[in-house]
Amino acid sequence: MSMPWHSCARPALARKPGTSICRGTWTSFPSGTGPGTGTATAGVEPAIWKLEGVDKPEFAKAVVKQAQSNGRKAGVITLGRGESKEKVQEWLKVGAKIKGIIGFAVGRTIFWQPLVDYRAGKTDRKQAIEKIAQNYVEFVELWLNEGKGTKQ
């Protein structure tokens, strides 16, 4: 099984013009694979790596290790992948405790259901906006609370 990954080019935010800011999205680590096994990219020094949520701290640590190999000062953010709120909460609880994981990027999990409800006429615009804001604040509070203390 191969590890999915991709790069996102944002030259204005990258360390050097023409380089990528994000790289490295793993969803699984079959035996004998994972960060550090053929993932080097010649000349690209990402500032931020994107990590699809993982359940195990050792996988998150492995991605951070790869992101920061060769003296790089890269950080890693945890993605939500459009998963359920409960699943994303599990991933954020893991990521918040790992040194080198600097934040998260969760979109669909925050806004999808409120927009579906709004379009179906189950809620009005104000209620949808409030629910999206509430969902976001809940993830931020979880991240901050889980990240307190010594990071692994």
C-alpha atoms as a PDB file:
ATOM      1  CA  MET A   1       0.000   0.000   0.000  1.00  0.00           C
ATOM      2  CA  SER A   2       1.407   3.391  -0.923  1.00  0.00           C
ATOM      3  CA  MET A   3       1.226   6.490   1.229  1.00  0.00           C
ATOM      4  CA  PRO A   4      -0.772   9.278  -0.355  1.00  0.00           C
ATOM      5  CA  TRP A   5       0.916  12.671  -0.306  1.00  0.00           C
ATOM      6  CA  HIS A   6       0.780  15.913  -2.171  1.00  0.00           C
ATOM      7  CA  SER A   7       2.358  19.327  -2.297  1.00  0.00           C
ATOM      8  CA  CYS A   8       0.652  22.657  -2.275  1.00  0.00           C
ATOM      9  CA  ALA A   9       2.436  25.577  -3.893  1.00  0.00           C
ATOM     10  CA  ARG A  10       2.137  28.889  -2.109  1.00  0.00           C
ATOM     11  CA  PRO A  11       5.279  30.733  -3.227  1.00  0.00           C
ATOM     12  CA  ALA A  12       4.350  33.973  -1.443  1.00  0.00           C
ATOM     13  CA  LEU A  13       4.384  32.144   1.887  1.00  0.00           C
ATOM     14  CA  ALA A  14       7.282  29.800   1.268  1.00  0.00           C
ATOM     15  CA  ARG A  15      10.797  30.292   2.582  1.00  0.00           C
ATOM     16  CA  LYS A  16      12.178  30.910  -0.898  1.00  0.00           C
ATOM     17  CA  PRO A  17      10.354  32.053  -4.051  1.00  0.00           C
ATOM     18  CA  GLY A  18       9.298  29.107  -6.152  1.00  0.00           C
ATOM     19  CA  THR A  19       9.303  26.552  -3.338  1.00  0.00           C
ATOM     20  CA  SER A  20       6.365  24.768  -1.784  1.00  0.00           C
ATOM     21  CA  ILE A  21       5.080  25.599   1.665  1.00  0.00           C
ATOM     22  CA  CYS A  22       3.275  22.308   2.348  1.00  0.00           C
ATOM     23  CA  ARG A  23       4.087  18.688   1.672  1.00  0.00           C
ATOM     24  CA  GLY A  24       3.484  15.343   3.213  1.00  0.00           C
ATOM     25  CA  THR A  25       0.020  14.022   3.898  1.00  0.00           C
ATOM     26  CA  TRP A  26       0.048  10.447   5.161  1.00  0.00           C
ATOM     27  CA  THR A  27      -2.991   8.379   5.994  1.00  0.00           C
ATOM     28  CA  SER A  28      -1.390   5.066   6.931  1.00  0.00           C
ATOM     29  CA  PHE A  29       1.978   3.506   7.613  1.00  0.00           C
ATOM     30  CA  PRO A  30       2.085  -0.093   6.394  1.00  0.00           C
ATOM     31  CA  SER A  31       4.998  -2.161   7.597  1.00  0.00           C
ATOM     32  CA  GLY A  32       8.263  -0.984   6.081  1.00  0.00           C
ATOM     33  CA  THR A  33       6.896   2.360   4.917  1.00  0.00           C
ATOM     34  CA  GLY A  34       6.330   5.751   6.438  1.00  0.00           C
ATOM     35  CA  PRO A  35       8.078   9.051   6.793  1.00  0.00           C
ATOM     36  CA  GLY A  36      11.686   8.848   5.712  1.00  0.00           C
ATOM     37  CA  THR A  37      11.212   6.086   3.156  1.00  0.00           C
ATOM     38  CA  GLY A  38      11.693   7.750  -0.186  1.00  0.00           C
ATOM     39  CA  THR A  39       9.925  10.996   0.613  1.00  0.00           C
ATOM     40  CA  ALA A  40      12.759  13.475   0.031  1.00  0.00           C
ATOM     41  CA  THR A  41      12.153  16.205  -2.529  1.00  0.00           C
ATOM     42  CA  ALA A  42      15.221  17.790  -4.115  1.00  0.00           C
ATOM     43  CA  GLY A  43      15.486  21.482  -3.347  1.00  0.00           C
ATOM     44  CA  VAL A  44      12.087  21.924  -1.729  1.00  0.00           C
ATOM     45  CA  GLU A  45      12.130  23.080   1.871  1.00  0.00           C
ATOM     46  CA  PRO A  46       8.536  23.225   3.106  1.00  0.00           C
ATOM     47  CA  ALA A  47       7.766  25.555   6.002  1.00  0.00           C
ATOM     48  CA  ILE A  48       4.599  23.685   6.967  1.00  0.00           C
ATOM     49  CA  TRP A  49       3.735  20.049   6.358  1.00  0.00           C
ATOM     50  CA  LYS A  50       0.148  18.841   6.260  1.00  0.00           C
ATOM     51  CA  LEU A  51      -0.638  15.640   8.128  1.00  0.00           C
ATOM     52  CA  GLU A  52      -3.904  13.830   7.706  1.00  0.00           C
ATOM     53  CA  GLY A  53      -5.145  12.911  11.149  1.00  0.00           C
ATOM     54  CA  VAL A  54      -3.529   9.951  12.862  1.00  0.00           C
ATOM     55  CA  ASP A  55      -4.593   7.945  15.894  1.00  0.00           C
ATOM     56  CA  LYS A  56      -1.137   7.043  17.151  1.00  0.00           C
ATOM     57  CA  PRO A  57       1.379   9.496  18.589  1.00  0.00           C
ATOM     58  CA  GLU A  58       4.294   7.528  17.128  1.00  0.00           C
ATOM     59  CA  PHE A  59       2.995   8.172  13.582  1.00  0.00           C
ATOM     60  CA  ALA A  60       2.638  11.899  14.263  1.00  0.00           C
ATOM     61  CA  LYS A  61       6.140  11.990  15.759  1.00  0.00           C
ATOM     62  CA  ALA A  62       7.523  10.202  12.696  1.00  0.00           C
ATOM     63  CA  VAL A  63       6.071  12.845  10.395  1.00  0.00           C
ATOM     64  CA  VAL A  64       7.498  15.649  12.552  1.00  0.00           C
ATOM     65  CA  LYS A  65      10.875  13.901  12.521  1.00  0.00           C
ATOM     66  CA  GLN A  66      10.831  13.746   8.716  1.00  0.00           C
ATOM     67  CA  ALA A  67       9.606  17.332   8.383  1.00  0.00           C
ATOM     68  CA  GLN A  68      12.429  18.534  10.610  1.00  0.00           C
ATOM     69  CA  SER A  69      15.158  16.261   9.257  1.00  0.00           C
ATOM     70  CA  ASN A  70      18.407  17.776   7.987  1.00  0.00           C
ATOM     71  CA  GLY A  71      17.981  20.743  10.317  1.00  0.00           C
ATOM     72  CA  ARG A  72      14.719  22.006   8.823  1.00  0.00           C
ATOM     73  CA  LYS A  73      12.574  24.163  11.103  1.00  0.00           C
ATOM     74  CA  ALA A  74       9.297  23.034   9.540  1.00  0.00           C
ATOM     75  CA  GLY A  75       6.073  22.702  11.480  1.00  0.00           C
ATOM     76  CA  VAL A  76       3.229  20.262  10.893  1.00  0.00           C
ATOM     77  CA  ILE A  77      -0.521  20.863  10.892  1.00  0.00           C
ATOM     78  CA  THR A  78      -3.193  18.195  11.368  1.00  0.00           C
ATOM     79  CA  LEU A  79      -5.953  18.006   8.751  1.00  0.00           C
ATOM     80  CA  GLY A  80      -9.553  16.990   9.360  1.00  0.00           C
ATOM     81  CA  ARG A  81     -10.185  15.144   6.054  1.00  0.00           C
ATOM     82  CA  GLY A  82     -13.915  15.892   6.309  1.00  0.00           C
ATOM     83  CA  GLU A  83     -14.242  13.230   8.988  1.00  0.00           C
ATOM     84  CA  SER A  84     -16.754  13.182  11.826  1.00  0.00           C
ATOM     85  CA  LYS A  85     -16.386  15.639  14.664  1.00  0.00           C
ATOM     86  CA  GLU A  86     -15.540  12.790  17.037  1.00  0.00           C
ATOM     87  CA  LYS A  87     -12.772  11.432  14.784  1.00  0.00           C
ATOM     88  CA  VAL A  88     -11.225  14.864  14.295  1.00  0.00           C
ATOM     89  CA  GLN A  89     -11.316  15.419  18.054  1.00  0.00           C
ATOM     90  CA  GLU A  90      -9.322  12.182  18.504  1.00  0.00           C
ATOM     91  CA  TRP A  91      -6.717  13.345  15.983  1.00  0.00           C
ATOM     92  CA  LEU A  92      -6.416  16.795  17.518  1.00  0.00           C
ATOM     93  CA  LYS A  93      -5.939  15.245  20.961  1.00  0.00           C
ATOM     94  CA  VAL A  94      -2.972  13.334  19.537  1.00  0.00           C
ATOM     95  CA  GLY A  95      -1.518  16.245  17.555  1.00  0.00           C
ATOM     96  CA  ALA A  96      -1.848  18.873  20.275  1.00  0.00           C
ATOM     97  CA  LYS A  97       0.518  16.901  22.497  1.00  0.00           C
ATOM     98  CA  ILE A  98       3.277  16.401  19.912  1.00  0.00           C
ATOM     99  CA  LYS A  99       6.156  18.854  19.740  1.00  0.00           C
ATOM    100  CA  GLY A 100       6.403  20.120  16.162  1.00  0.00           C
ATOM    101  CA  ILE A 101       2.692  19.874  15.372  1.00  0.00           C
ATOM    102  CA  ILE A 102       1.844  23.544  15.373  1.00  0.00           C
ATOM    103  CA  GLY A 103      -1.856  23.619  14.598  1.00  0.00           C
ATOM    104  CA  PHE A 104      -4.698  22.221  12.578  1.00  0.00           C
ATOM    105  CA  ALA A 105      -6.694  22.887   9.414  1.00  0.00           C
ATOM    106  CA  VAL A 106     -10.236  21.597   9.700  1.00  0.00           C
ATOM    107  CA  GLY A 107     -12.881  22.801   7.264  1.00  0.00           C
ATOM    108  CA  ARG A 108     -15.681  20.488   6.196  1.00  0.00           C
ATOM    109  CA  THR A 109     -16.076  19.010   9.663  1.00  0.00           C
ATOM    110  CA  ILE A 110     -16.742  22.533  10.909  1.00  0.00           C
ATOM    111  CA  PHE A 111     -19.008  23.921   8.196  1.00  0.00           C
ATOM    112  CA  TRP A 112     -20.563  21.076   6.200  1.00  0.00           C
ATOM    113  CA  GLN A 113     -23.571  20.074   8.316  1.00  0.00           C
ATOM    114  CA  PRO A 114     -24.572  23.644   9.192  1.00  0.00           C
ATOM    115  CA  LEU A 115     -24.557  24.483   5.465  1.00  0.00           C
ATOM    116  CA  VAL A 116     -26.539  21.350   4.593  1.00  0.00           C
ATOM    117  CA  ASP A 117     -29.110  22.271   7.251  1.00  0.00           C
ATOM    118  CA  TYR A 118     -29.269  25.854   5.996  1.00  0.00           C
ATOM    119  CA  ARG A 119     -29.769  24.805   2.364  1.00  0.00           C
ATOM    120  CA  ALA A 120     -32.486  22.362   3.427  1.00  0.00           C
ATOM    121  CA  GLY A 121     -34.327  25.158   5.232  1.00  0.00           C
ATOM    122  CA  LYS A 122     -33.811  23.563   8.654  1.00  0.00           C
ATOM    123  CA  THR A 123     -31.944  26.621   9.941  1.00  0.00           C
ATOM    124  CA  ASP A 124     -31.660  30.230   8.933  1.00  0.00           C
ATOM    125  CA  ARG A 125     -28.469  32.000   7.876  1.00  0.00           C
ATOM    126  CA  LYS A 126     -27.746  33.374  11.350  1.00  0.00           C
ATOM    127  CA  GLN A 127     -28.121  29.933  12.968  1.00  0.00           C
ATOM    128  CA  ALA A 128     -25.799  28.360  10.381  1.00  0.00           C
ATOM    129  CA  ILE A 129     -23.156  31.029  10.995  1.00  0.00           C
ATOM    130  CA  GLU A 130     -23.449  30.582  14.760  1.00  0.00           C
ATOM    131  CA  LYS A 131     -23.126  26.792  14.483  1.00  0.00           C
ATOM    132  CA  ILE A 132     -20.047  27.074  12.250  1.00  0.00           C
ATOM    133  CA  ALA A 133     -18.473  29.495  14.732  1.00  0.00           C
ATOM    134  CA  GLN A 134     -19.360  27.213  17.646  1.00  0.00           C
ATOM    135  CA  ASN A 135     -17.831  24.192  15.910  1.00  0.00           C
ATOM    136  CA  TYR A 136     -14.619  26.121  15.244  1.00  0.00           C
ATOM    137  CA  VAL A 137     -14.364  27.418  18.803  1.00  0.00           C
ATOM    138  CA  GLU A 138     -14.853  23.889  20.161  1.00  0.00           C
ATOM    139  CA  PHE A 139     -11.890  22.624  18.102  1.00  0.00           C
ATOM    140  CA  VAL A 140      -9.715  25.570  19.139  1.00  0.00           C
ATOM    141  CA  GLU A 141     -10.542  25.054  22.822  1.00  0.00           C
ATOM    142  CA  LEU A 142      -9.857  21.319  22.532  1.00  0.00           C
ATOM    143  CA  TRP A 143      -6.499  22.019  20.836  1.00  0.00           C
ATOM    144  CA  LEU A 144      -5.459  24.552  23.464  1.00  0.00           C
ATOM    145  CA  ASN A 145      -6.560  22.397  26.404  1.00  0.00           C
ATOM    146  CA  GLU A 146      -4.943  19.229  25.080  1.00  0.00           C
ATOM    147  CA  GLY A 147      -1.725  21.073  24.268  1.00  0.00           C
ATOM    148  CA  LYS A 148      -1.184  22.306  27.795  1.00  0.00           C
ATOM    149  CA  GLY A 149       1.794  20.841  29.562  1.00  0.00           C
ATOM    150  CA  THR A 150       4.891  19.191  28.200  1.00  0.00           C
ATOM    151  CA  LYS A 151       4.776  18.168  24.554  1.00  0.00           C
ATOM    152  CA  GLN A 152       6.095  14.736  23.563  1.00  0.00           C
END
